[in-house]
C-alpha cells in the first residue's frame, strides 16, 4: 500500500521574478493541480501547475501571478 509520502516528489524550477532556482515538493497523488506558493528567496507569489500520471510527476510549470 502506498502512503502519502510515496506520492511526494521534488521539482526544481526558476522563480519567474528573481530567477533563483528553488526546490519544491509536489503531491503526485493529484493528477492536475494549480496553486500559489511564495518564492523561498524573494517571497513573491508564483502560480505553480503540476501534472502527474499514476503517481509520477510529468510536468511542472511556473508563472507570475500577473500572467
C-alpha atoms as a PDB file:
ATOM      1  CA  UNK A   1       0.000   0.000   0.000  1.00  0.00           C
ATOM      2  CA  UNK A   2       1.344   3.448  -0.953  1.00  0.00           C
ATOM      3  CA  UNK A   3       1.349   6.177   1.647  1.00  0.00           C
ATOM      4  CA  UNK A   4       1.079   9.925   1.118  1.00  0.00           C
ATOM      5  CA  UNK A   5       4.856  10.226   1.449  1.00  0.00           C
ATOM      6  CA  UNK A   6       5.250   7.889  -1.555  1.00  0.00           C
ATOM      7  CA  UNK A   7       3.467  10.440  -3.732  1.00  0.00           C
ATOM      8  CA  UNK A   8       5.742  13.382  -2.838  1.00  0.00           C
ATOM      9  CA  UNK A   9       8.312  14.217  -5.497  1.00  0.00           C
ATOM     10  CA  UNK A  10      10.729  17.108  -5.746  1.00  0.00           C
ATOM     11  CA  UNK A  11      10.972  19.516  -8.655  1.00  0.00           C
ATOM     12  CA  UNK A  12      13.441  22.317  -9.322  1.00  0.00           C
ATOM     13  CA  UNK A  13      12.313  25.472 -11.095  1.00  0.00           C
ATOM     14  CA  UNK A  14      13.428  29.035 -11.584  1.00  0.00           C
ATOM     15  CA  UNK A  15      11.430  31.793  -9.910  1.00  0.00           C
ATOM     16  CA  UNK A  16       9.814  33.958 -12.617  1.00  0.00           C
ATOM     17  CA  UNK A  17      10.587  37.063 -10.539  1.00  0.00           C
ATOM     18  CA  UNK A  18      14.131  36.735  -9.179  1.00  0.00           C
ATOM     19  CA  UNK A  19      15.415  33.885 -11.362  1.00  0.00           C
ATOM     20  CA  UNK A  20      16.737  31.826  -8.445  1.00  0.00           C
ATOM     21  CA  UNK A  21      16.394  28.045  -8.649  1.00  0.00           C
ATOM     22  CA  UNK A  22      14.098  26.689  -5.951  1.00  0.00           C
ATOM     23  CA  UNK A  23      13.168  23.153  -4.944  1.00  0.00           C
ATOM     24  CA  UNK A  24       9.539  22.242  -4.314  1.00  0.00           C
ATOM     25  CA  UNK A  25       7.762  19.119  -3.139  1.00  0.00           C
ATOM     26  CA  UNK A  26       4.803  18.174  -5.319  1.00  0.00           C
ATOM     27  CA  UNK A  27       1.977  15.858  -4.236  1.00  0.00           C
ATOM     28  CA  UNK A  28       1.630  13.474  -7.182  1.00  0.00           C
ATOM     29  CA  UNK A  29      -1.478  11.761  -5.807  1.00  0.00           C
ATOM     30  CA  UNK A  30      -3.404  14.564  -7.582  1.00  0.00           C
ATOM     31  CA  UNK A  31      -3.303  14.299 -11.388  1.00  0.00           C
ATOM     32  CA  UNK A  32      -3.652  18.032 -12.172  1.00  0.00           C
ATOM     33  CA  UNK A  33      -3.286  20.950  -9.820  1.00  0.00           C
ATOM     34  CA  UNK A  34      -2.601  24.655  -9.778  1.00  0.00           C
ATOM     35  CA  UNK A  35      -1.729  26.589  -6.653  1.00  0.00           C
ATOM     36  CA  UNK A  36       0.118  29.675  -5.424  1.00  0.00           C
ATOM     37  CA  UNK A  37       3.325  29.380  -3.448  1.00  0.00           C
ATOM     38  CA  UNK A  38       5.708  32.124  -2.392  1.00  0.00           C
ATOM     39  CA  UNK A  39       9.265  32.009  -3.704  1.00  0.00           C
ATOM     40  CA  UNK A  40      11.651  30.832  -0.986  1.00  0.00           C
ATOM     41  CA  UNK A  41      14.126  33.572  -1.973  1.00  0.00           C
ATOM     42  CA  UNK A  42      12.190  36.750  -2.889  1.00  0.00           C
ATOM     43  CA  UNK A  43       8.828  35.835  -1.255  1.00  0.00           C
ATOM     44  CA  UNK A  44       6.758  36.836  -4.299  1.00  0.00           C
ATOM     45  CA  UNK A  45       3.729  34.679  -5.203  1.00  0.00           C
ATOM     46  CA  UNK A  46       4.279  32.195  -8.039  1.00  0.00           C
ATOM     47  CA  UNK A  47       1.487  30.247  -9.732  1.00  0.00           C
ATOM     48  CA  UNK A  48       2.530  26.616  -9.986  1.00  0.00           C
ATOM     49  CA  UNK A  49       0.925  23.986 -12.157  1.00  0.00           C
ATOM     50  CA  UNK A  50       1.683  20.279 -11.871  1.00  0.00           C
ATOM     51  CA  UNK A  51       0.628  17.246 -13.866  1.00  0.00           C
ATOM     52  CA  UNK A  52       1.101  13.698 -12.595  1.00  0.00           C
ATOM     53  CA  UNK A  53       0.220  10.362 -14.141  1.00  0.00           C
ATOM     54  CA  UNK A  54      -0.141   7.265 -11.988  1.00  0.00           C
ATOM     55  CA  UNK A  55       1.652   8.987  -9.121  1.00  0.00           C
ATOM     56  CA  UNK A  56       4.622  10.132 -11.220  1.00  0.00           C
ATOM     57  CA  UNK A  57       5.347  13.808 -11.869  1.00  0.00           C
ATOM     58  CA  UNK A  58       5.112  14.545 -15.603  1.00  0.00           C
ATOM     59  CA  UNK A  59       5.447  18.337 -15.730  1.00  0.00           C
ATOM     60  CA  UNK A  60       5.624  21.434 -13.577  1.00  0.00           C
ATOM     61  CA  UNK A  61       5.034  24.980 -14.779  1.00  0.00           C
ATOM     62  CA  UNK A  62       5.606  28.279 -13.022  1.00  0.00           C
ATOM     63  CA  UNK A  63       4.447  31.784 -13.864  1.00  0.00           C
ATOM     64  CA  UNK A  64       3.959  35.146 -12.235  1.00  0.00           C
ATOM     65  CA  UNK A  65       0.640  35.946 -10.635  1.00  0.00           C
ATOM     66  CA  UNK A  66       0.131  38.662 -13.287  1.00  0.00           C
ATOM     67  CA  UNK A  67       0.303  36.321 -16.324  1.00  0.00           C
END
